[in-house]
Each structure stands twice: as structure tokens, then as C-alpha cells.
Amino acid sequence: MKGGFGGMNMQAIMKQAHAMQAKMAEDKRKLEESVVTAKSGGDMVEVTMNGKYQLQSIKINPNAVDIDDIEMLEDLIMAAVNDANSQIKTLEESLMPQIPNNLGGMF
């Protein structure tokens, strides 16, 4: 039995694991440096968020501010923040690699 891992030797497995680890670190760095912008209410509210899910800015069109309807403004802010969160989550899923199936049955 050659190497004991479905024909792969330990050195090849370690090399592949290190390469995967380096790719994951690079993908994490890319994600953290990413910035998304989301809008709601026909551009009444705009939020910017980074890849660490941290709000960077909130811009509110003065026309969105109605003292008699603060609840609408709150809803617009919540919708924009939720959209930005969703964009980051989608980006995260596209960047983060899946564990490859070619590790000789090790996983």
C-alpha cells in the first residue's frame, strides 16, 4: 500500500493542504477588503458595508425624513442594511473554496 491514503503519499497531501490553506487565507483577505453598497426606497437610503459586515456609511436623502413617519425611514434603513448583508454573504460564498474531493478519500 503506497502511502496509505488511497495511493497519495503524505508529502503530496501536506502540499495540497498548504495550498488550500493559502488560498483560503487569500480569499478571506479579498472578502475583508470588499465593499458593497445597497440602496432602498428608490435611493432614499444608501448604506456601504465592508466584507467584515461592518457598516462604513449611511446616507439618507432629506426627502426620506418625515417627522410624522419615522417608521418608514427605519424600514428603509433596515432594508438597505439587510441587502448589504446579503450581498456580503453571497460574495463570501463565492470566494470561499469548497474542500476538494481529490484528497484520496481522506475526507
PDB file of N, CA and C in Angstrom:
ATOM      1  N   MET A   1       0.851  -1.170   0.000  1.00  0.00           N
ATOM      2  CA  MET A   1       0.000   0.000   0.000  1.00  0.00           C
ATOM      3  C   MET A   1       0.893   1.228   0.000  1.00  0.00           C
ATOM      4  N   LYS A   2       0.724   2.077  -0.991  1.00  0.00           N
ATOM      5  CA  LYS A   2       1.580   3.228  -1.197  1.00  0.00           C
ATOM      6  C   LYS A   2       1.076   4.424  -0.409  1.00  0.00           C
ATOM      7  N   GLY A   3       1.706   4.772   0.679  1.00  0.00           N
ATOM      8  CA  GLY A   3       1.348   5.954   1.437  1.00  0.00           C
ATOM      9  C   GLY A   3       0.151   5.785   2.348  1.00  0.00           C
ATOM     10  N   GLY A   4      -0.723   4.864   2.112  1.00  0.00           N
ATOM     11  CA  GLY A   4      -1.844   4.595   2.987  1.00  0.00           C
ATOM     12  C   GLY A   4      -3.042   5.526   2.827  1.00  0.00           C
ATOM     13  N   PHE A   5      -2.985   6.483   1.922  1.00  0.00           N
ATOM     14  CA  PHE A   5      -4.095   7.418   1.735  1.00  0.00           C
ATOM     15  C   PHE A   5      -4.593   7.326   0.300  1.00  0.00           C
ATOM     16  N   GLY A   6      -5.100   6.167  -0.074  1.00  0.00           N
ATOM     17  CA  GLY A   6      -5.631   5.994  -1.414  1.00  0.00           C
ATOM     18  C   GLY A   6      -4.583   6.180  -2.488  1.00  0.00           C
ATOM     19  N   GLY A   7      -3.355   5.859  -2.219  1.00  0.00           N
ATOM     20  CA  GLY A   7      -2.285   5.979  -3.192  1.00  0.00           C
ATOM     21  C   GLY A   7      -1.528   7.297  -3.114  1.00  0.00           C
ATOM     22  N   MET A   8      -2.014   8.251  -2.362  1.00  0.00           N
ATOM     23  CA  MET A   8      -1.306   9.534  -2.241  1.00  0.00           C
ATOM     24  C   MET A   8      -0.306   9.457  -1.093  1.00  0.00           C
ATOM     25  N   ASN A   9       0.869   9.982  -1.315  1.00  0.00           N
ATOM     26  CA  ASN A   9       1.835   9.972  -0.219  1.00  0.00           C
ATOM     27  C   ASN A   9       1.610  11.180   0.684  1.00  0.00           C
ATOM     28  N   MET A  10       2.122  11.110   1.877  1.00  0.00           N
ATOM     29  CA  MET A  10       1.890  12.139   2.888  1.00  0.00           C
ATOM     30  C   MET A  10       2.418  13.493   2.429  1.00  0.00           C
ATOM     31  N   GLN A  11       3.511  13.518   1.723  1.00  0.00           N
ATOM     32  CA  GLN A  11       4.078  14.782   1.250  1.00  0.00           C
ATOM     33  C   GLN A  11       3.118  15.480   0.277  1.00  0.00           C
ATOM     34  N   ALA A  12       2.505  14.722  -0.615  1.00  0.00           N
ATOM     35  CA  ALA A  12       1.554  15.296  -1.568  1.00  0.00           C
ATOM     36  C   ALA A  12       0.322  15.824  -0.845  1.00  0.00           C
ATOM     37  N   ILE A  13      -0.127  15.096   0.166  1.00  0.00           N
ATOM     38  CA  ILE A  13      -1.287  15.526   0.937  1.00  0.00           C
ATOM     39  C   ILE A  13      -0.979  16.829   1.672  1.00  0.00           C
ATOM     40  N   MET A  14       0.180  16.906   2.290  1.00  0.00           N
ATOM     41  CA  MET A  14       0.566  18.113   3.019  1.00  0.00           C
ATOM     42  C   MET A  14       0.719  19.304   2.069  1.00  0.00           C
ATOM     43  N   LYS A  15       1.277  19.065   0.896  1.00  0.00           N
ATOM     44  CA  LYS A  15       1.443  20.129  -0.078  1.00  0.00           C
ATOM     45  C   LYS A  15       0.082  20.663  -0.505  1.00  0.00           C
ATOM     46  N   GLN A  16      -0.849  19.752  -0.760  1.00  0.00           N
ATOM     47  CA  GLN A  16      -2.194  20.157  -1.168  1.00  0.00           C
ATOM     48  C   GLN A  16      -2.905  20.902  -0.027  1.00  0.00           C
ATOM     49  N   ALA A  17      -2.728  20.436   1.200  1.00  0.00           N
ATOM     50  CA  ALA A  17      -3.349  21.091   2.357  1.00  0.00           C
ATOM     51  C   ALA A  17      -2.799  22.502   2.536  1.00  0.00           C
ATOM     52  N   HIS A  18      -1.498  22.687   2.357  1.00  0.00           N
ATOM     53  CA  HIS A  18      -0.896  24.020   2.480  1.00  0.00           C
ATOM     54  C   HIS A  18      -1.396  24.946   1.374  1.00  0.00           C
ATOM     55  N   ALA A  19      -1.526  24.414   0.167  1.00  0.00           N
ATOM     56  CA  ALA A  19      -2.030  25.223  -0.948  1.00  0.00           C
ATOM     57  C   ALA A  19      -3.471  25.654  -0.683  1.00  0.00           C
ATOM     58  N   MET A  20      -4.278  24.744  -0.155  1.00  0.00           N
ATOM     59  CA  MET A  20      -5.668  25.052   0.153  1.00  0.00           C
ATOM     60  C   MET A  20      -5.735  26.106   1.260  1.00  0.00           C
ATOM     61  N   GLN A  21      -4.879  25.973   2.251  1.00  0.00           N
ATOM     62  CA  GLN A  21      -4.843  26.920   3.369  1.00  0.00           C
ATOM     63  C   GLN A  21      -4.437  28.317   2.869  1.00  0.00           C
ATOM     64  N   ALA A  22      -3.475  28.387   1.967  1.00  0.00           N
ATOM     65  CA  ALA A  22      -3.040  29.669   1.419  1.00  0.00           C
ATOM     66  C   ALA A  22      -4.161  30.312   0.599  1.00  0.00           C
ATOM     67  N   LYS A  23      -4.874  29.515  -0.192  1.00  0.00           N
ATOM     68  CA  LYS A  23      -5.989  30.035  -0.983  1.00  0.00           C
ATOM     69  C   LYS A  23      -7.093  30.558  -0.082  1.00  0.00           C
ATOM     70  N   MET A  24      -7.398  29.842   0.985  1.00  0.00           N
ATOM     71  CA  MET A  24      -8.438  30.270   1.910  1.00  0.00           C
ATOM     72  C   MET A  24      -8.053  31.597   2.581  1.00  0.00           C
ATOM     73  N   ALA A  25      -6.787  31.750   2.936  1.00  0.00           N
ATOM     74  CA  ALA A  25      -6.317  32.993   3.552  1.00  0.00           C
ATOM     75  C   ALA A  25      -6.425  34.158   2.561  1.00  0.00           C
ATOM     76  N   GLU A  26      -6.071  33.911   1.305  1.00  0.00           N
ATOM     77  CA  GLU A  26      -6.166  34.943   0.279  1.00  0.00           C
ATOM     78  C   GLU A  26      -7.629  35.324   0.028  1.00  0.00           C
ATOM     79  N   ASP A  27      -8.504  34.325  -0.031  1.00  0.00           N
ATOM     80  CA  ASP A  27      -9.927  34.589  -0.232  1.00  0.00           C
ATOM     81  C   ASP A  27     -10.507  35.383   0.937  1.00  0.00           C
ATOM     82  N   LYS A  28     -10.070  35.075   2.147  1.00  0.00           N
ATOM     83  CA  LYS A  28     -10.542  35.813   3.321  1.00  0.00           C
ATOM     84  C   LYS A  28     -10.089  37.264   3.252  1.00  0.00           C
ATOM     85  N   ARG A  29      -8.861  37.476   2.828  1.00  0.00           N
ATOM     86  CA  ARG A  29      -8.329  38.838   2.691  1.00  0.00           C
ATOM     87  C   ARG A  29      -9.144  39.611   1.643  1.00  0.00           C
ATOM     88  N   LYS A  30      -9.423  38.967   0.506  1.00  0.00           N
ATOM     89  CA  LYS A  30     -10.219  39.609  -0.543  1.00  0.00           C
ATOM     90  C   LYS A  30     -11.598  39.983  -0.024  1.00  0.00           C
ATOM     91  N   LEU A  31     -12.214  39.074   0.703  1.00  0.00           N
ATOM     92  CA  LEU A  31     -13.543  39.331   1.250  1.00  0.00           C
ATOM     93  C   LEU A  31     -13.518  40.520   2.199  1.00  0.00           C
ATOM     94  N   GLU A  32     -12.553  40.530   3.109  1.00  0.00           N
ATOM     95  CA  GLU A  32     -12.469  41.599   4.099  1.00  0.00           C
ATOM     96  C   GLU A  32     -12.205  42.960   3.465  1.00  0.00           C
ATOM     97  N   GLU A  33     -11.544  42.980   2.312  1.00  0.00           N
ATOM     98  CA  GLU A  33     -11.257  44.228   1.621  1.00  0.00           C
ATOM     99  C   GLU A  33     -12.405  44.668   0.711  1.00  0.00           C
ATOM    100  N   SER A  34     -13.375  43.801   0.516  1.00  0.00           N
ATOM    101  CA  SER A  34     -14.506  44.119  -0.356  1.00  0.00           C
ATOM    102  C   SER A  34     -15.429  45.140   0.297  1.00  0.00           C
ATOM    103  N   VAL A  35     -16.105  45.912  -0.544  1.00  0.00           N
ATOM    104  CA  VAL A  35     -17.073  46.899  -0.084  1.00  0.00           C
ATOM    105  C   VAL A  35     -18.294  46.787  -0.991  1.00  0.00           C
ATOM    106  N   VAL A  36     -19.480  46.771  -0.384  1.00  0.00           N
ATOM    107  CA  VAL A  36     -20.722  46.746  -1.152  1.00  0.00           C
ATOM    108  C   VAL A  36     -21.568  47.947  -0.765  1.00  0.00           C
ATOM    109  N   THR A  37     -22.410  48.347  -1.698  1.00  0.00           N
ATOM    110  CA  THR A  37     -23.352  49.433  -1.453  1.00  0.00           C
ATOM    111  C   THR A  37     -24.747  48.923  -1.757  1.00  0.00           C
ATOM    112  N   ALA A  38     -25.684  49.227  -0.884  1.00  0.00           N
ATOM    113  CA  ALA A  38     -27.078  48.824  -1.072  1.00  0.00           C
ATOM    114  C   ALA A  38     -27.970  50.034  -0.874  1.00  0.00           C
ATOM    115  N   LYS A  39     -29.061  50.071  -1.644  1.00  0.00           N
ATOM    116  CA  LYS A  39     -29.994  51.191  -1.573  1.00  0.00           C
ATOM    117  C   LYS A  39     -31.405  50.672  -1.360  1.00  0.00           C
ATOM    118  N   SER A  40     -32.245  51.529  -0.813  1.00  0.00           N
ATOM    119  CA  SER A  40     -33.653  51.178  -0.669  1.00  0.00           C
ATOM    120  C   SER A  40     -34.506  52.420  -0.862  1.00  0.00           C
ATOM    121  N   GLY A  41     -35.778  52.180  -1.132  1.00  0.00           N
ATOM    122  CA  GLY A  41     -36.704  53.303  -1.273  1.00  0.00           C
ATOM    123  C   GLY A  41     -36.393  54.197  -2.449  1.00  0.00           C
ATOM    124  N   GLY A  42     -35.964  53.602  -3.560  1.00  0.00           N
ATOM    125  CA  GLY A  42     -35.635  54.432  -4.719  1.00  0.00           C
ATOM    126  C   GLY A  42     -34.507  55.396  -4.432  1.00  0.00           C
ATOM    127  N   ASP A  43     -33.456  54.911  -3.830  1.00  0.00           N
ATOM    128  CA  ASP A  43     -32.247  55.687  -3.493  1.00  0.00           C
ATOM    129  C   ASP A  43     -32.455  56.663  -2.335  1.00  0.00           C
ATOM    130  N   MET A  44     -33.501  56.451  -1.553  1.00  0.00           N
ATOM    131  CA  MET A  44     -33.734  57.330  -0.396  1.00  0.00           C
ATOM    132  C   MET A  44     -32.716  57.042   0.716  1.00  0.00           C
ATOM    133  N   VAL A  45     -32.311  55.767   0.823  1.00  0.00           N
ATOM    134  CA  VAL A  45     -31.325  55.362   1.830  1.00  0.00           C
ATOM    135  C   VAL A  45     -30.255  54.535   1.123  1.00  0.00           C
ATOM    136  N   GLU A  46     -29.000  54.834   1.436  1.00  0.00           N
ATOM    137  CA  GLU A  46     -27.867  54.097   0.866  1.00  0.00           C
ATOM    138  C   GLU A  46     -26.921  53.721   1.998  1.00  0.00           C
ATOM    139  N   VAL A  47     -26.540  52.447   2.062  1.00  0.00           N
ATOM    140  CA  VAL A  47     -25.562  52.010   3.057  1.00  0.00           C
ATOM    141  C   VAL A  47     -24.379  51.379   2.352  1.00  0.00           C
ATOM    142  N   THR A  48     -23.220  51.532   2.948  1.00  0.00           N
ATOM    143  CA  THR A  48     -21.995  50.911   2.459  1.00  0.00           C
ATOM    144  C   THR A  48     -21.459  50.032   3.582  1.00  0.00           C
ATOM    145  N   MET A  49     -21.083  48.802   3.214  1.00  0.00           N
ATOM    146  CA  MET A  49     -20.628  47.815   4.202  1.00  0.00           C
ATOM    147  C   MET A  49     -19.378  47.121   3.665  1.00  0.00           C
ATOM    148  N   ASN A  50     -18.460  46.799   4.576  1.00  0.00           N
ATOM    149  CA  ASN A  50     -17.269  46.066   4.150  1.00  0.00           C
ATOM    150  C   ASN A  50     -17.471  44.564   4.334  1.00  0.00           C
ATOM    151  N   GLY A  51     -16.490  43.805   3.902  1.00  0.00           N
ATOM    152  CA  GLY A  51     -16.568  42.345   3.951  1.00  0.00           C
ATOM    153  C   GLY A  51     -16.506  41.757   5.342  1.00  0.00           C
ATOM    154  N   LYS A  52     -16.328  42.597   6.348  1.00  0.00           N
ATOM    155  CA  LYS A  52     -16.368  42.141   7.734  1.00  0.00           C
ATOM    156  C   LYS A  52     -17.743  42.410   8.340  1.00  0.00           C
ATOM    157  N   TYR A  53     -18.713  42.725   7.476  1.00  0.00           N
ATOM    158  CA  TYR A  53     -20.086  43.032   7.895  1.00  0.00           C
ATOM    159  C   TYR A  53     -20.158  44.285   8.764  1.00  0.00           C
ATOM    160  N   GLN A  54     -19.237  45.222   8.546  1.00  0.00           N
ATOM    161  CA  GLN A  54     -19.236  46.475   9.299  1.00  0.00           C
ATOM    162  C   GLN A  54     -19.777  47.591   8.409  1.00  0.00           C
ATOM    163  N   LEU A  55     -20.750  48.345   8.923  1.00  0.00           N
ATOM    164  CA  LEU A  55     -21.264  49.488   8.175  1.00  0.00           C
ATOM    165  C   LEU A  55     -20.169  50.532   8.056  1.00  0.00           C
ATOM    166  N   GLN A  56     -19.983  51.041   6.853  1.00  0.00           N
ATOM    167  CA  GLN A  56     -18.990  52.088   6.616  1.00  0.00           C
ATOM    168  C   GLN A  56     -19.655  53.454   6.529  1.00  0.00           C
ATOM    169  N   SER A  57     -20.870  53.477   5.960  1.00  0.00           N
ATOM    170  CA  SER A  57     -21.584  54.748   5.871  1.00  0.00           C
ATOM    171  C   SER A  57     -23.078  54.509   5.666  1.00  0.00           C
ATOM    172  N   ILE A  58     -23.849  55.488   6.058  1.00  0.00           N
ATOM    173  CA  ILE A  58     -25.291  55.527   5.803  1.00  0.00           C
ATOM    174  C   ILE A  58     -25.593  56.923   5.259  1.00  0.00           C
ATOM    175  N   LYS A  59     -26.238  56.972   4.106  1.00  0.00           N
ATOM    176  CA  LYS A  59     -26.642  58.250   3.519  1.00  0.00           C
ATOM    177  C   LYS A  59     -28.162  58.256   3.426  1.00  0.00           C
ATOM    178  N   ILE A  60     -28.768  59.312   3.918  1.00  0.00           N
ATOM    179  CA  ILE A  60     -30.224  59.434   3.913  1.00  0.00           C
ATOM    180  C   ILE A  60     -30.605  60.689   3.127  1.00  0.00           C
ATOM    181  N   ASN A  61     -31.405  60.490   2.103  1.00  0.00           N
ATOM    182  CA  ASN A  61     -31.923  61.607   1.332  1.00  0.00           C
ATOM    183  C   ASN A  61     -32.844  62.412   2.247  1.00  0.00           C
ATOM    184  N   PRO A  62     -32.671  63.713   2.315  1.00  0.00           N
ATOM    185  CA  PRO A  62     -33.522  64.526   3.199  1.00  0.00           C
ATOM    186  C   PRO A  62     -35.021  64.330   2.949  1.00  0.00           C
ATOM    187  N   ASN A  63     -35.390  63.972   1.707  1.00  0.00           N
ATOM    188  CA  ASN A  63     -36.801  63.745   1.404  1.00  0.00           C
ATOM    189  C   ASN A  63     -37.352  62.503   2.100  1.00  0.00           C
ATOM    190  N   ALA A  64     -36.464  61.645   2.596  1.00  0.00           N
ATOM    191  CA  ALA A  64     -36.906  60.437   3.296  1.00  0.00           C
ATOM    192  C   ALA A  64     -37.272  60.717   4.744  1.00  0.00           C
ATOM    193  N   VAL A  65     -36.935  61.906   5.203  1.00  0.00           N
ATOM    194  CA  VAL A  65     -37.178  62.240   6.607  1.00  0.00           C
ATOM    195  C   VAL A  65     -38.535  62.936   6.736  1.00  0.00           C
ATOM    196  N   ASP A  66     -39.464  62.215   7.319  1.00  0.00           N
ATOM    197  CA  ASP A  66     -40.805  62.743   7.592  1.00  0.00           C
ATOM    198  C   ASP A  66     -41.050  62.544   9.077  1.00  0.00           C
ATOM    199  N   ILE A  67     -41.081  63.613   9.802  1.00  0.00           N
ATOM    200  CA  ILE A  67     -41.225  63.546  11.260  1.00  0.00           C
ATOM    201  C   ILE A  67     -42.471  62.778  11.666  1.00  0.00           C
ATOM    202  N   ASP A  68     -43.461  62.747  10.791  1.00  0.00           N
ATOM    203  CA  ASP A  68     -44.702  62.029  11.105  1.00  0.00           C
ATOM    204  C   ASP A  68     -44.649  60.564  10.693  1.00  0.00           C
ATOM    205  N   ASP A  69     -43.542  60.144  10.045  1.00  0.00           N
ATOM    206  CA  ASP A  69     -43.443  58.751   9.607  1.00  0.00           C
ATOM    207  C   ASP A  69     -42.009  58.239   9.764  1.00  0.00           C
ATOM    208  N   ILE A  70     -41.496  58.318  10.971  1.00  0.00           N
ATOM    209  CA  ILE A  70     -40.145  57.826  11.275  1.00  0.00           C
ATOM    210  C   ILE A  70     -40.050  56.322  11.000  1.00  0.00           C
ATOM    211  N   GLU A  71     -41.145  55.615  11.194  1.00  0.00           N
ATOM    212  CA  GLU A  71     -41.157  54.159  10.979  1.00  0.00           C
ATOM    213  C   GLU A  71     -40.781  53.807   9.536  1.00  0.00           C
ATOM    214  N   MET A  72     -41.217  54.607   8.561  1.00  0.00           N
ATOM    215  CA  MET A  72     -40.856  54.348   7.168  1.00  0.00           C
ATOM    216  C   MET A  72     -39.348  54.476   6.985  1.00  0.00           C
ATOM    217  N   LEU A  73     -38.743  55.495   7.568  1.00  0.00           N
ATOM    218  CA  LEU A  73     -37.297  55.686   7.468  1.00  0.00           C
ATOM    219  C   LEU A  73     -36.563  54.517   8.114  1.00  0.00           C
ATOM    220  N   GLU A  74     -37.037  54.079   9.259  1.00  0.00           N
ATOM    221  CA  GLU A  74     -36.429  52.919   9.923  1.00  0.00           C
ATOM    222  C   GLU A  74     -36.502  51.688   9.028  1.00  0.00           C
ATOM    223  N   ASP A  75     -37.639  51.483   8.377  1.00  0.00           N
ATOM    224  CA  ASP A  75     -37.801  50.344   7.470  1.00  0.00           C
ATOM    225  C   ASP A  75     -36.852  50.441   6.276  1.00  0.00           C
ATOM    226  N   LEU A  76     -36.669  51.654   5.739  1.00  0.00           N
ATOM    227  CA  LEU A  76     -35.758  51.841   4.607  1.00  0.00           C
ATOM    228  C   LEU A  76     -34.319  51.532   5.005  1.00  0.00           C
ATOM    229  N   ILE A  77     -33.928  51.983   6.189  1.00  0.00           N
ATOM    230  CA  ILE A  77     -32.568  51.704   6.678  1.00  0.00           C
ATOM    231  C   ILE A  77     -32.382  50.206   6.872  1.00  0.00           C
ATOM    232  N   MET A  78     -33.357  49.566   7.492  1.00  0.00           N
ATOM    233  CA  MET A  78     -33.267  48.126   7.730  1.00  0.00           C
ATOM    234  C   MET A  78     -33.187  47.360   6.409  1.00  0.00           C
ATOM    235  N   ALA A  79     -33.968  47.756   5.423  1.00  0.00           N
ATOM    236  CA  ALA A  79     -33.952  47.075   4.127  1.00  0.00           C
ATOM    237  C   ALA A  79     -32.587  47.217   3.452  1.00  0.00           C
ATOM    238  N   ALA A  80     -32.006  48.403   3.504  1.00  0.00           N
ATOM    239  CA  ALA A  80     -30.701  48.625   2.882  1.00  0.00           C
ATOM    240  C   ALA A  80     -29.603  47.836   3.599  1.00  0.00           C
ATOM    241  N   VAL A  81     -29.632  47.819   4.923  1.00  0.00           N
ATOM    242  CA  VAL A  81     -28.630  47.060   5.686  1.00  0.00           C
ATOM    243  C   VAL A  81     -28.771  45.559   5.412  1.00  0.00           C
ATOM    244  N   ASN A  82     -29.995  45.074   5.377  1.00  0.00           N
ATOM    245  CA  ASN A  82     -30.210  43.650   5.096  1.00  0.00           C
ATOM    246  C   ASN A  82     -29.735  43.286   3.693  1.00  0.00           C
ATOM    247  N   ASP A  83     -29.957  44.171   2.727  1.00  0.00           N
ATOM    248  CA  ASP A  83     -29.484  43.918   1.370  1.00  0.00           C
ATOM    249  C   ASP A  83     -27.958  43.883   1.327  1.00  0.00           C
ATOM    250  N   ALA A  84     -27.309  44.804   2.021  1.00  0.00           N
ATOM    251  CA  ALA A  84     -25.841  44.811   2.066  1.00  0.00           C
ATOM    252  C   ALA A  84     -25.320  43.528   2.712  1.00  0.00           C
ATOM    253  N   ASN A  85     -25.957  43.095   3.808  1.00  0.00           N
ATOM    254  CA  ASN A  85     -25.574  41.829   4.442  1.00  0.00           C
ATOM    255  C   ASN A  85     -25.691  40.663   3.462  1.00  0.00           C
ATOM    256  N   SER A  86     -26.766  40.643   2.723  1.00  0.00           N
ATOM    257  CA  SER A  86     -26.994  39.578   1.747  1.00  0.00           C
ATOM    258  C   SER A  86     -25.929  39.598   0.653  1.00  0.00           C
ATOM    259  N   GLN A  87     -25.552  40.789   0.204  1.00  0.00           N
ATOM    260  CA  GLN A  87     -24.505  40.901  -0.819  1.00  0.00           C
ATOM    261  C   GLN A  87     -23.166  40.367  -0.306  1.00  0.00           C
ATOM    262  N   ILE A  88     -22.823  40.708   0.929  1.00  0.00           N
ATOM    263  CA  ILE A  88     -21.563  40.221   1.506  1.00  0.00           C
ATOM    264  C   ILE A  88     -21.614  38.702   1.654  1.00  0.00           C
ATOM    265  N   LYS A  89     -22.737  38.162   2.117  1.00  0.00           N
ATOM    266  CA  LYS A  89     -22.883  36.708   2.282  1.00  0.00           C
ATOM    267  C   LYS A  89     -22.710  36.002   0.943  1.00  0.00           C
ATOM    268  N   THR A  90     -23.315  36.536  -0.112  1.00  0.00           N
ATOM    269  CA  THR A  90     -23.175  35.945  -1.446  1.00  0.00           C
ATOM    270  C   THR A  90     -21.722  36.003  -1.907  1.00  0.00           C
ATOM    271  N   LEU A  91     -21.063  37.124  -1.678  1.00  0.00           N
ATOM    272  CA  LEU A  91     -19.647  37.260  -2.044  1.00  0.00           C
ATOM    273  C   LEU A  91     -18.798  36.271  -1.261  1.00  0.00           C
ATOM    274  N   GLU A  92     -19.079  36.135   0.021  1.00  0.00           N
ATOM    275  CA  GLU A  92     -18.353  35.198   0.877  1.00  0.00           C
ATOM    276  C   GLU A  92     -18.491  33.771   0.351  1.00  0.00           C
ATOM    277  N   GLU A  93     -19.704  33.384  -0.009  1.00  0.00           N
ATOM    278  CA  GLU A  93     -19.943  32.031  -0.520  1.00  0.00           C
ATOM    279  C   GLU A  93     -19.245  31.793  -1.847  1.00  0.00           C
ATOM    280  N   SER A  94     -19.132  32.841  -2.671  1.00  0.00           N
ATOM    281  CA  SER A  94     -18.472  32.675  -3.968  1.00  0.00           C
ATOM    282  C   SER A  94     -16.950  32.614  -3.836  1.00  0.00           C
ATOM    283  N   LEU A  95     -16.404  33.252  -2.810  1.00  0.00           N
ATOM    284  CA  LEU A  95     -14.953  33.281  -2.637  1.00  0.00           C
ATOM    285  C   LEU A  95     -14.404  32.086  -1.873  1.00  0.00           C
ATOM    286  N   MET A  96     -15.131  31.630  -0.883  1.00  0.00           N
ATOM    287  CA  MET A  96     -14.591  30.581  -0.024  1.00  0.00           C
ATOM    288  C   MET A  96     -14.619  29.237  -0.746  1.00  0.00           C
ATOM    289  N   PRO A  97     -13.468  28.604  -0.851  1.00  0.00           N
ATOM    290  CA  PRO A  97     -13.388  27.346  -1.603  1.00  0.00           C
ATOM    291  C   PRO A  97     -14.043  26.187  -0.848  1.00  0.00           C
ATOM    292  N   GLN A  98     -14.510  25.258  -1.627  1.00  0.00           N
ATOM    293  CA  GLN A  98     -15.044  24.027  -1.057  1.00  0.00           C
ATOM    294  C   GLN A  98     -13.874  23.060  -0.839  1.00  0.00           C
ATOM    295  N   ILE A  99     -14.014  22.170   0.121  1.00  0.00           N
ATOM    296  CA  ILE A  99     -12.973  21.167   0.339  1.00  0.00           C
ATOM    297  C   ILE A  99     -12.961  20.238  -0.858  1.00  0.00           C
ATOM    298  N   PRO A 100     -11.830  20.113  -1.534  1.00  0.00           N
ATOM    299  CA  PRO A 100     -11.796  19.284  -2.742  1.00  0.00           C
ATOM    300  C   PRO A 100     -12.006  17.810  -2.437  1.00  0.00           C
ATOM    301  N   ASN A 101     -12.581  17.138  -3.408  1.00  0.00           N
ATOM    302  CA  ASN A 101     -12.864  15.712  -3.283  1.00  0.00           C
ATOM    303  C   ASN A 101     -11.693  14.858  -3.737  1.00  0.00           C
ATOM    304  N   ASN A 102     -10.598  15.452  -4.109  1.00  0.00           N
ATOM    305  CA  ASN A 102      -9.498  14.679  -4.664  1.00  0.00           C
ATOM    306  C   ASN A 102      -8.375  14.429  -3.664  1.00  0.00           C
ATOM    307  N   LEU A 103      -8.723  14.337  -2.405  1.00  0.00           N
ATOM    308  CA  LEU A 103      -7.688  14.056  -1.395  1.00  0.00           C
ATOM    309  C   LEU A 103      -7.617  12.560  -1.085  1.00  0.00           C
ATOM    310  N   GLY A 104      -7.888  11.763  -2.098  1.00  0.00           N
ATOM    311  CA  GLY A 104      -7.724  10.320  -1.954  1.00  0.00           C
ATOM    312  C   GLY A 104      -8.642   9.706  -0.920  1.00  0.00           C
ATOM    313  N   GLY A 105      -9.824  10.226  -0.763  1.00  0.00           N
ATOM    314  CA  GLY A 105     -10.770   9.638   0.186  1.00  0.00           C
ATOM    315  C   GLY A 105     -10.459   9.958   1.637  1.00  0.00           C
ATOM    316  N   MET A 106      -9.547  10.901   1.868  1.00  0.00           N
ATOM    317  CA  MET A 106      -9.143  11.230   3.217  1.00  0.00           C
ATOM    318  C   MET A 106     -10.288  11.869   3.992  1.00  0.00           C
ATOM    319  N   PHE A 107     -11.187  12.611   3.295  1.00  0.00           N
ATOM    320  CA  PHE A 107     -12.294  13.290   3.956  1.00  0.00           C
ATOM    321  C   PHE A 107     -13.578  12.588   3.669  1.00  0.00           C
TER     322      PHE A 107
END
